[in-house]
Protein backbone atom coordinates (compact mmCIF):
# COMPACT_ATOMS: atom_id res chain seq x y z
CA MET A 1 -0.32 0.24 -0.02
CA HIS A 2 3.01 2.68 1.25
CA LEU A 3 4.94 1.34 -2.01
CA GLU A 4 1.58 2.27 -4.54
CA TRP A 5 1.19 5.77 -2.59
CA LEU A 6 5.11 6.46 -3.32
CA ARG A 7 4.28 5.57 -6.61
CA LEU A 8 1.51 7.64 -7.66
CA LEU A 9 2.78 10.93 -5.36
CA ALA A 10 6.10 10.16 -7.07
CA PRO A 11 6.06 13.36 -9.18
CA GLU A 12 5.62 15.73 -6.42
CA THR A 13 8.50 13.74 -4.54
CA ILE A 14 10.81 14.30 -7.13
CA VAL A 15 10.22 18.16 -7.23
CA VAL A 16 10.91 18.23 -3.62
CA VAL A 17 13.69 16.31 -3.48
CA THR A 18 15.38 18.99 -6.25
CA ALA A 19 14.37 21.41 -3.82
CA LEU A 20 16.73 20.39 -1.46
CA ILE A 21 19.67 19.41 -3.58
CA VAL A 22 19.55 22.72 -5.23
CA LEU A 23 19.59 24.32 -1.83
CA MET A 24 21.90 22.27 -0.11
CA ALA A 25 24.33 22.35 -3.34
CA ASP A 26 24.11 25.85 -3.81
CA LEU A 27 25.21 26.18 -0.06
CA THR A 28 28.19 23.98 0.13
CA LEU A 29 29.60 23.43 -3.06
CA PHE A 30 29.02 26.86 -5.02
CA ARG A 31 28.51 29.08 -2.50
CA GLN A 32 31.62 31.11 -3.52
CA LYS A 33 31.26 30.47 -7.50
CA PRO A 34 29.87 33.83 -9.43
CA ILE A 35 26.38 34.32 -9.15
CA THR A 36 25.86 33.72 -12.83
CA PHE A 37 27.19 30.17 -12.14
CA ARG A 38 25.38 29.61 -9.40
CA ALA A 39 21.99 30.53 -11.05
CA ALA A 40 22.96 27.99 -13.92
CA VAL A 41 23.82 25.31 -11.99
CA ALA A 42 20.39 25.60 -9.71
CA GLY A 43 18.38 26.21 -12.90
CA MET A 44 19.75 23.26 -14.93
CA ILE A 45 19.36 21.12 -11.53
CA ALA A 46 15.52 22.37 -11.39
CA THR A 47 15.29 22.07 -15.02
CA LEU A 48 16.10 18.11 -14.94
CA GLY A 49 14.24 17.75 -11.93
CA CYS A 50 11.17 19.10 -13.24
CA LEU A 51 11.75 16.80 -16.49
CA ILE A 52 11.88 13.45 -14.83
CA ALA A 53 8.45 14.60 -13.02
CA ILE A 54 6.80 15.16 -16.59
CA PHE A 55 8.60 11.96 -17.75
CA TRP A 56 6.99 9.96 -14.37
CA LEU A 57 3.68 11.80 -15.19
CA GLU A 58 3.41 10.45 -18.71
CA GLU A 59 4.36 6.71 -17.71
CA LEU A 60 1.63 7.00 -14.89
CA SER A 61 -1.58 6.53 -16.34
CA VAL A 62 -4.47 6.45 -13.63
CA SER A 63 -7.79 7.51 -12.36
CA GLN A 64 -8.00 7.06 -8.86
CA LYS A 65 -8.63 8.13 -5.55
CA LEU A 66 -5.89 8.24 -3.04
CA GLY A 67 -7.14 9.91 0.34
CA MET A 68 -7.53 13.33 -0.21
CA LEU A 69 -6.23 13.62 -3.52
CA SER A 70 -8.20 12.35 -6.82
CA LEU A 71 -5.57 11.75 -9.38
CA SER A 72 -6.68 10.64 -13.55
CA PRO A 73 -5.20 11.72 -16.82
CA LEU A 74 -6.64 14.78 -16.92
CA THR A 75 -4.64 15.82 -13.85
CA GLN A 76 -1.52 14.54 -14.82
CA MET A 77 -2.26 16.51 -18.24
CA ILE A 78 -2.66 19.74 -15.93
CA LYS A 79 0.92 18.75 -13.51
CA GLN A 80 3.17 18.56 -16.77
CA ALA A 81 1.82 21.78 -18.08
CA ILE A 82 2.59 23.17 -14.83
CA LEU A 83 5.95 21.41 -14.63
CA ALA A 84 6.79 22.95 -17.91
CA LEU A 85 6.38 26.56 -16.87
CA THR A 86 8.07 26.09 -14.04
CA ILE A 87 10.93 24.76 -16.48
CA PHE A 88 10.83 28.02 -18.34
CA THR A 89 10.92 29.93 -15.26
CA ALA A 90 14.05 28.34 -14.29
CA LEU A 91 15.70 28.98 -17.97
CA ILE A 92 14.64 32.94 -17.66
CA SER A 93 16.08 32.92 -14.22
CA PHE A 94 19.73 32.14 -15.52
CA SER A 95 20.54 35.59 -15.68
CA ALA A 96 18.54 37.14 -12.65
CA LYS A 97 20.60 39.61 -10.74
CA PHE A 98 17.84 40.38 -8.18
CA THR A 99 19.51 38.48 -5.19
CA ARG A 100 22.51 36.75 -4.16
CA HIS A 101 20.28 33.78 -2.43
CA ILE A 102 20.13 31.80 -5.29
CA GLY A 103 19.51 28.25 -3.81
CA GLU A 104 16.53 29.90 -2.03
CA TYR A 105 15.05 31.62 -5.30
CA PHE A 106 14.88 27.90 -7.15
CA ALA A 107 13.51 26.26 -4.17
CA LEU A 108 11.21 28.08 -3.31
CA LEU A 109 10.12 28.60 -6.72
CA LEU A 110 10.02 24.42 -7.06
CA VAL A 111 8.15 24.53 -3.35
CA ALA A 112 5.42 26.45 -4.98
CA THR A 113 5.05 24.24 -7.84
CA VAL A 114 4.37 21.53 -5.41
CA GLY A 115 1.88 23.41 -4.15
CA LEU A 116 0.33 24.06 -7.56
CA LEU A 117 1.03 20.21 -7.69
CA PHE A 118 -1.15 18.56 -4.88
CA LEU A 119 -3.50 21.64 -5.70
CA ILE A 120 -4.67 19.97 -8.83
CA SER A 121 -4.95 16.57 -7.37
CA SER A 122 -7.47 17.63 -4.45
CA GLU A 123 -10.89 16.56 -3.84
CA ASN A 124 -10.84 17.34 -0.17
CA LEU A 125 -11.42 21.23 0.35
CA LEU A 126 -8.92 20.71 3.55
CA MET A 127 -6.15 20.10 1.47
CA ILE A 128 -7.22 22.32 -1.48
CA PHE A 129 -6.43 24.97 1.10
CA VAL A 130 -3.42 23.54 2.46
CA SER A 131 -2.05 23.72 -0.91
CA LEU A 132 -2.98 26.54 -1.11
CA GLU A 133 -1.87 27.97 1.55
CA LEU A 134 1.47 26.09 0.63
CA LEU A 135 1.38 27.89 -2.70
CA SER A 136 1.00 31.30 -1.28
CA LEU A 137 3.23 31.30 1.25
CA SER A 138 6.15 30.74 -1.30
CA LEU A 139 5.14 33.35 -4.21
CA TYR A 140 4.85 36.16 -0.68
CA ALA A 141 8.68 35.16 -0.20
CA MET A 142 9.77 35.42 -3.58
CA VAL A 143 7.90 38.74 -4.15
CA ALA A 144 10.45 40.20 -1.77
CA PHE A 145 13.36 38.13 -2.70
CA ASN A 146 14.67 41.81 -4.35
CA LYS A 147 16.29 43.35 -1.08
CA ALA A 148 17.87 46.17 -2.65
CA SER A 149 13.98 47.23 -4.25
CA LEU A 150 11.78 49.02 -1.58
CA ALA A 151 9.11 48.42 -4.17
CA SER A 152 9.61 44.31 -4.04
CA SER A 153 9.48 44.82 -0.50
CA GLU A 154 6.17 46.76 -0.48
CA ALA A 155 4.73 44.28 -2.89
CA ALA A 156 5.31 41.47 -0.59
CA LEU A 157 3.42 43.10 2.05
CA LYS A 158 0.52 44.09 0.41
CA TYR A 159 0.64 40.69 -1.40
CA PHE A 160 0.77 38.99 2.36
CA LEU A 161 -1.84 41.30 3.58
CA PHE A 162 -4.26 40.60 1.07
CA GLY A 163 -3.36 36.72 0.60
CA GLY A 164 -4.27 36.32 4.14
CA MET A 165 -7.42 38.31 3.71
CA ALA A 166 -8.49 35.57 0.97
CA ALA A 167 -7.22 32.68 3.12
CA ALA A 168 -9.96 34.18 5.57
CA PHE A 169 -12.65 34.20 3.34
CA THR A 170 -11.92 30.52 2.08
CA LEU A 171 -11.51 29.37 4.85
CA TYR A 172 -14.79 30.32 6.41
CA GLY A 173 -16.52 29.45 3.50
CA ILE A 174 -15.05 26.01 3.80
CA SER A 175 -16.29 26.13 7.45
CA LEU A 176 -19.85 27.10 6.40
CA ILE A 177 -20.00 24.07 3.71
CA TYR A 178 -18.54 21.53 6.18
CA GLY A 179 -21.50 22.98 9.04
CA LEU A 180 -23.93 22.34 6.66
CA THR A 181 -23.34 18.96 4.64
CA GLY A 182 -20.66 16.90 7.50
CA SER A 183 -18.22 16.71 5.24
CA LEU A 184 -15.11 18.04 3.02
CA GLU A 185 -14.67 15.50 -0.34
CA LEU A 186 -16.31 17.02 -2.85
CA PRO A 187 -18.59 14.41 -4.54
CA GLU A 188 -19.84 13.86 -1.00
CA ILE A 189 -20.82 17.54 -0.69
CA ALA A 190 -22.88 17.63 -3.89
CA THR A 191 -24.67 14.40 -2.80
CA LYS A 192 -25.75 15.64 0.47
CA LEU A 193 -26.37 19.33 -1.09
CA SER A 194 -28.46 17.55 -3.50
CA ALA A 195 -31.14 16.37 -1.02
CA GLN A 196 -31.33 19.59 0.43
CA THR A 197 -33.29 23.10 -0.13
CA ALA A 198 -31.20 25.75 -0.65
CA THR A 199 -30.63 27.93 2.54
CA PRO A 200 -28.93 31.63 3.05
CA ALA A 201 -26.00 29.33 4.83
CA LEU A 202 -25.57 27.70 1.56
CA PHE A 203 -25.52 31.06 -0.56
CA LEU A 204 -23.25 32.39 2.36
CA ALA A 205 -20.83 29.86 2.28
CA LEU A 206 -20.52 30.33 -1.70
CA VAL A 207 -20.05 33.72 -1.66
CA MET A 208 -17.32 33.60 0.77
CA THR A 209 -15.67 30.70 -1.21
CA LEU A 210 -15.43 32.63 -4.04
CA ILE A 211 -14.29 35.75 -2.79
CA GLY A 212 -11.60 34.18 -1.42
CA PHE A 213 -10.73 32.43 -5.11
CA ALA A 214 -11.75 35.34 -6.90
CA PHE A 215 -8.46 37.09 -4.78
CA LYS A 216 -6.32 33.96 -5.87
CA LEU A 217 -7.25 34.68 -9.50
CA ALA A 218 -7.16 38.70 -8.99
CA ALA A 219 -10.58 38.94 -10.64
CA ALA A 220 -11.75 42.72 -10.01
CA PRO A 221 -12.93 44.05 -7.51
CA PHE A 222 -10.59 41.90 -5.73
CA HIS A 223 -7.48 42.41 -7.65
CA LEU A 224 -6.00 45.32 -5.82
CA TRP A 225 -2.34 43.68 -4.74
CA ALA A 226 -2.44 42.15 -8.44
CA PRO A 227 -0.51 45.65 -10.26
CA ASP A 228 1.63 46.11 -7.17
CA ALA A 229 2.95 42.76 -6.78
CA TYR A 230 3.49 42.25 -10.70
CA GLN A 231 5.56 45.78 -10.87
CA GLY A 232 7.33 45.20 -7.55
CA ALA A 233 8.26 41.64 -7.73
CA PRO A 234 11.58 40.70 -9.48
CA THR A 235 10.31 40.04 -13.30
CA GLN A 236 10.59 36.08 -13.59
CA ILE A 237 8.33 35.50 -10.55
CA ALA A 238 5.45 38.00 -11.57
CA SER A 239 5.95 35.52 -14.63
CA PHE A 240 5.39 32.63 -12.46
CA ILE A 241 2.29 34.35 -10.44
CA ALA A 242 1.11 35.06 -13.84
CA SER A 243 1.48 31.64 -15.36
CA GLY A 244 1.67 28.61 -13.37
CA SER A 245 -0.68 29.71 -10.46
CA LYS A 246 -3.15 30.77 -12.45
CA ILE A 247 -3.14 27.19 -14.17
CA GLY A 248 -3.94 25.91 -10.89
CA SER A 249 -6.41 28.20 -9.34
CA PHE A 250 -8.44 28.02 -12.28
CA PHE A 251 -8.42 24.28 -12.76
CA VAL A 252 -9.27 23.76 -9.09
CA LEU A 253 -12.30 26.40 -8.87
CA ALA A 254 -13.62 24.41 -12.19
CA ARG A 255 -13.59 21.51 -9.68
CA ILE A 256 -15.07 22.74 -6.68
CA LEU A 257 -18.01 24.49 -8.56
CA ALA A 258 -18.47 21.36 -11.23
CA VAL A 259 -18.01 18.54 -8.93
CA GLY A 260 -19.47 20.47 -5.26
CA PHE A 261 -21.97 22.16 -6.70
CA PRO A 262 -23.47 21.20 -9.68
CA GLN A 263 -27.21 21.71 -7.83
CA ASN A 264 -26.48 25.20 -7.08
CA THR A 265 -25.39 27.27 -10.68
CA GLY A 266 -27.93 29.65 -11.02
CA SER A 267 -28.66 31.72 -14.34
CA ALA A 268 -27.13 34.81 -15.08
CA ALA A 269 -28.93 34.77 -18.13
CA PHE A 270 -30.51 38.21 -19.50
CA CYS A 271 -33.35 39.53 -17.92
CA SER A 272 -34.02 36.04 -15.87
CA TRP A 273 -30.90 35.98 -13.03
CA THR A 274 -31.44 33.01 -10.32
CA SER A 275 -29.24 32.29 -7.34
CA GLY A 276 -26.24 30.35 -7.13
CA TRP A 277 -22.48 30.86 -8.36
CA ALA A 278 -23.77 31.44 -11.88
CA PRO A 279 -24.76 35.48 -11.86
CA ILE A 280 -21.84 35.83 -9.19
CA LEU A 281 -19.13 34.85 -12.00
CA ALA A 282 -20.85 36.57 -14.29
CA LEU A 283 -20.61 39.68 -12.47
CA LEU A 284 -16.95 39.14 -11.68
CA ALA A 285 -16.30 38.58 -15.36
CA VAL A 286 -17.72 42.03 -16.61
CA ILE A 287 -16.05 44.06 -13.84
CA SER A 288 -12.47 42.29 -14.73
CA MET A 289 -12.96 42.31 -18.24
CA LEU A 290 -13.73 46.33 -18.50
CA LEU A 291 -11.71 47.07 -15.40
CA GLY A 292 -8.88 45.40 -16.63
CA ASN A 293 -8.55 46.60 -20.31
CA ILE A 294 -9.57 50.10 -19.47
CA VAL A 295 -7.15 50.96 -16.46
CA ALA A 296 -4.54 49.14 -19.08
CA ILE A 297 -4.43 51.87 -21.36
CA MET A 298 -3.63 54.53 -18.78
CA GLN A 299 -0.32 52.01 -17.55
CA SER A 300 3.19 53.35 -18.83
CA SER A 301 4.96 50.71 -17.03
CA VAL A 302 4.62 47.39 -19.00
CA LYS A 303 4.63 44.98 -16.12
CA ARG A 304 1.49 47.10 -14.88
CA LEU A 305 0.17 46.72 -18.32
CA LEU A 306 0.36 43.16 -18.25
CA ALA A 307 -1.08 42.91 -14.50
CA TYR A 308 -4.29 44.66 -15.91
CA SER A 309 -4.16 42.68 -18.89
CA ALA A 310 -4.42 39.33 -16.55
CA ILE A 311 -6.85 40.56 -14.40
CA ALA A 312 -8.73 41.00 -18.24
CA HIS A 313 -8.02 38.01 -19.10
CA GLY A 314 -8.90 35.96 -16.29
CA GLY A 315 -12.66 37.12 -16.65
CA TYR A 316 -12.64 36.29 -19.66
CA ALA A 317 -11.54 32.58 -18.61
CA LEU A 318 -14.71 32.81 -16.53
CA LEU A 319 -16.82 32.76 -19.17
CA ALA A 320 -16.23 28.77 -19.91
CA PHE A 321 -18.02 28.11 -16.44
CA PHE A 322 -21.01 28.57 -18.08
CA GLY A 323 -20.38 25.47 -20.56
CA THR A 324 -21.06 22.24 -19.54
CA GLY A 325 -19.28 18.62 -19.87
CA THR A 326 -16.10 17.96 -21.23
CA ARG A 327 -15.63 20.51 -23.86
CA ALA A 328 -16.66 23.35 -21.26
CA MET A 329 -13.25 21.97 -19.45
CA SER A 330 -11.44 21.55 -22.35
CA ALA A 331 -11.87 24.96 -23.79
CA LEU A 332 -11.17 26.38 -20.14
CA MET A 333 -7.96 24.94 -19.96
CA PHE A 334 -6.85 25.48 -23.35
CA TYR A 335 -7.49 29.21 -22.91
CA VAL A 336 -5.35 29.13 -19.53
CA ILE A 337 -2.27 27.15 -20.45
CA THR A 338 -2.05 29.12 -23.82
CA TYR A 339 -2.54 32.12 -21.83
CA ALA A 340 0.09 31.14 -19.15
CA ILE A 341 2.64 30.36 -22.18
CA THR A 342 2.29 33.66 -23.87
CA VAL A 343 2.20 35.68 -20.53
CA LEU A 344 5.50 34.09 -19.53
CA GLY A 345 6.96 34.71 -22.51
CA ALA A 346 5.65 38.26 -22.55
CA PHE A 347 7.15 38.84 -18.66
CA ALA A 348 10.39 36.87 -20.30
CA VAL A 349 11.27 39.52 -22.79
CA VAL A 350 10.52 42.04 -20.18
CA ALA A 351 13.12 40.40 -17.89
CA MET A 352 15.98 40.86 -20.64
CA VAL A 353 14.86 44.42 -21.32
CA GLU A 354 14.99 45.31 -17.61
CA ASN A 355 18.08 43.65 -16.78
CA GLY A 356 20.04 45.94 -18.94
CA SER A 357 18.39 49.22 -17.83
CA ASN A 358 16.61 48.22 -13.95
CA ARG A 359 13.44 49.73 -15.77
CA GLU A 360 10.55 48.40 -17.90
CA GLN A 361 8.45 51.70 -18.35
CA MET A 362 7.12 52.03 -22.53
CA ARG A 363 9.76 54.30 -23.19
CA ASP A 364 12.68 51.37 -22.43
CA PHE A 365 11.39 49.77 -25.36
CA ALA A 366 12.15 52.44 -27.96
CA GLY A 367 13.60 51.03 -31.28
CA LEU A 368 14.06 47.13 -29.73
CA SER A 369 13.65 45.84 -33.14
CA ARG A 370 16.28 47.60 -34.57
CA ARG A 371 18.72 46.07 -31.63
CA ALA A 372 16.80 42.72 -31.04
CA PRO A 373 15.09 41.79 -34.25
CA VAL A 374 14.09 38.27 -32.79
CA LEU A 375 13.25 39.14 -29.70
CA SER A 376 11.07 41.83 -30.81
CA ALA A 377 9.58 39.25 -33.14
CA CYS A 378 8.55 37.01 -30.19
CA MET A 379 7.08 39.74 -27.96
CA ALA A 380 4.95 40.69 -30.95
CA VAL A 381 3.91 37.48 -31.25
CA PHE A 382 3.32 37.29 -27.87
CA MET A 383 1.21 40.54 -27.67
CA LEU A 384 -1.01 39.69 -30.49
CA SER A 385 -1.65 36.77 -29.20
CA LEU A 386 -3.17 37.89 -25.78
CA ALA A 387 -4.77 40.26 -27.91
CA GLY A 388 -6.53 37.62 -29.61
CA ILE A 389 -5.14 38.35 -33.40
CA PRO A 390 -5.76 34.93 -35.57
CA PRO A 391 -3.73 32.39 -36.34
CA LEU A 392 -2.28 32.90 -32.33
CA ALA A 393 -2.99 30.67 -29.79
CA GLY A 394 -5.00 33.75 -28.05
CA PHE A 395 -7.55 34.19 -30.84
CA PHE A 396 -8.44 30.05 -30.86
CA GLY A 397 -8.30 30.37 -27.02
CA LYS A 398 -11.21 33.16 -26.75
CA PHE A 399 -13.04 31.73 -29.57
CA TYR A 400 -13.37 28.58 -27.84
CA VAL A 401 -14.48 30.09 -24.50
CA PHE A 402 -17.24 32.40 -26.34
CA THR A 403 -18.68 29.56 -28.46
CA VAL A 404 -18.79 27.33 -24.96
CA ALA A 405 -20.40 29.94 -22.91
CA LEU A 406 -22.96 30.33 -25.55
CA SER A 407 -23.13 26.69 -26.35
CA GLY A 408 -24.63 26.25 -22.16
CA PRO A 409 -27.87 25.28 -20.80
CA GLN A 410 -28.08 28.92 -20.87
CA ASN A 411 -27.42 29.19 -24.43
CA LEU A 412 -28.52 32.42 -25.96
CA GLY A 413 -29.20 33.94 -22.68
CA LEU A 414 -25.70 35.00 -21.90
CA LEU A 415 -25.16 36.60 -25.71
CA TRP A 416 -24.50 39.87 -23.46
CA LEU A 417 -21.63 38.63 -22.08
CA VAL A 418 -20.29 37.16 -25.09
CA ILE A 419 -20.79 40.79 -26.28
CA VAL A 420 -18.98 42.29 -23.43
CA ALA A 421 -16.22 39.82 -23.62
CA ILE A 422 -16.09 40.58 -27.27
CA SER A 423 -15.88 44.57 -26.46
CA ALA A 424 -13.90 44.63 -23.94
CA SER A 425 -10.89 42.49 -26.30
CA ALA A 426 -11.01 45.08 -28.95
CA ILE A 427 -10.67 47.61 -26.24
CA SER A 428 -7.29 45.47 -25.18
CA LEU A 429 -6.01 46.06 -28.50
CA TYR A 430 -4.70 49.63 -28.29
CA TYR A 431 -2.85 49.33 -25.59
CA TYR A 432 -0.89 45.96 -27.53
CA LEU A 433 -0.34 47.79 -30.15
CA GLN A 434 1.22 50.84 -27.57
CA VAL A 435 3.67 48.61 -26.78
CA LEU A 436 4.38 47.03 -30.19
CA LYS A 437 4.34 51.05 -31.41
CA GLN A 438 7.12 51.85 -28.79
CA ILE A 439 9.27 48.47 -30.40
CA TYR A 440 8.84 48.96 -34.07
CA VAL A 441 8.06 52.71 -34.75
CA ALA A 442 9.58 54.99 -31.82
CA ASP A 443 13.58 55.57 -32.93
CA VAL A 444 16.45 54.25 -30.47
CA PRO A 445 17.66 56.40 -27.87
CA ALA A 446 21.00 58.23 -27.88
CA HIS A 447 22.14 55.91 -25.58
CA PRO A 448 20.29 52.43 -25.08
CA ALA A 449 20.79 50.43 -22.33
CA PRO A 450 22.35 47.39 -22.90
CA LEU A 451 20.25 44.66 -23.41
CA ASP A 452 20.84 40.82 -21.58
CA THR A 453 22.29 38.43 -23.73
CA ASN A 454 21.31 35.41 -22.03
CA VAL A 455 20.79 32.79 -24.64
CA ILE A 456 19.01 30.04 -22.43
CA ALA A 457 16.95 32.96 -21.74
CA ARG A 458 16.55 34.10 -25.22
CA GLY A 459 16.24 30.44 -26.36
CA ALA A 460 13.45 30.02 -24.07
CA ILE A 461 11.20 32.91 -25.24
CA VAL A 462 12.29 31.48 -28.95
CA VAL A 463 10.50 28.54 -28.16
CA LEU A 464 7.90 30.06 -26.23
CA ALA A 465 6.76 32.14 -29.11
CA ALA A 466 6.91 28.82 -31.55
CA ALA A 467 4.46 27.22 -29.01
CA VAL A 468 1.86 30.52 -29.05
CA VAL A 469 2.00 30.15 -32.86
CA LEU A 470 1.95 26.02 -33.44
CA MET A 471 -0.94 26.13 -30.87
CA GLY A 472 -2.45 28.72 -32.38
CA CYS A 473 -2.32 27.06 -36.46
CA LEU A 474 -2.85 23.56 -34.74
CA PRO A 475 -5.20 24.07 -31.97
CA GLY A 476 -6.50 20.32 -32.67
CA PRO A 477 -4.19 18.29 -31.03
CA THR A 478 -4.30 20.07 -27.65
CA LEU A 479 -8.08 19.70 -27.36
CA GLU A 480 -8.24 16.43 -28.38
CA LYS A 481 -6.08 15.33 -25.65
CA LEU A 482 -7.59 17.73 -22.99
CA ALA A 483 -10.96 15.67 -24.63
CA THR A 484 -9.41 12.49 -24.24
CA ALA A 485 -7.90 13.16 -21.00
CA MET A 486 -11.19 14.27 -19.20
CA ALA A 487 -12.58 10.82 -21.31
CA LYS A 488 -10.47 8.89 -18.78
CA SER A 489 -10.87 11.14 -15.65
CA ILE A 490 -12.94 10.72 -12.94
CA PHE A 491 -13.07 14.64 -12.84
């Protein structure tokens, strides 16, 4: 029995062991070496550990309940995506200059990844909460890693305070759910709630839980930590917050609502709202899409622009919750995975510019196409994909999410929500093009800041850009793999 547990939890174990190896190697063998050498060694060890975990998951094809965890081909696929994002985060961190504590940085990155891996497998509300806190505590510390920057410390404090508030909301909602059903297992909760009439206490529990997750997703109006955290945090860490943690948070929220509360959906159809979680998500989606895109127009910092863009994209992703069946879940995961790849690449380009000048304002990208044409082409791919321009992955991600929302049980009643989403997406094109205008149209400054020349980081950016183009031109294989994994899964 214990050997079976070890086999099924081997990916998480491998990542934990890798974190310990990175920490011990940096503290004992390479402490006196140059920072760039230490970062390269630690990054390679972290990359190797994540690759081993990915290959183990490829061989591990099970659909099984394991205590508080639920393992399935779908969870294994999402875990592989998170591990891949961790690898790319490690690769773009090879030239990181914001800390001398290299071992601690990579160890925390891997610990945050472990939190995400457990979160993906969790089907117990208590385990979900513990996994979220493991992830959050790691991210709080990583945001504050640049000790020479007051902005980094301020961002970490705001992130910690808002995160603590979100945890309180989530825990209170979970306690109410447990009081109403006597269970923390999502399938049991659904069974017991189906035999009960909806009560004010149940709706309060739903609202509290959704508010807690809205903080984690940076959905407006619970987004106030995100712009400061993204701008103040080291760029490599901001990229992981915007990519890996988004996948985990959206997946577990979908699991909670689809498995635990399928009878309490309600309706957000035009002029016929009924109580449930659907109207709450519709309201969060509208506010997020409009506020995120409108406020992003006024930003001069590219990192803050990407932060408000992330808020808007969270609103788009929420539309997938109004669909049903495997198609809705496939559309949601396709959207968040393609978004995660794209935003990670965009932050990686920002990091390359920032490492040379310690700035990431719009004007710092002026004339970048003449100084780094390949890097600029990759940034163009990322910006246009985020804007939803075909044939890039972002266009098809939005198309599938919007289609799923209209094909759900509320059908054309949600047309108003899709119209808002399309209008908000049109607004976003303006500020994405502003970044590209600086890169391709603005003149090169008289004394341009030097760019980061790390070959590994540049190679990672090119691979990410190629993935965005490939997933846009050939979305079928990814969607088919998601649908197949869904069909074989418990969830």
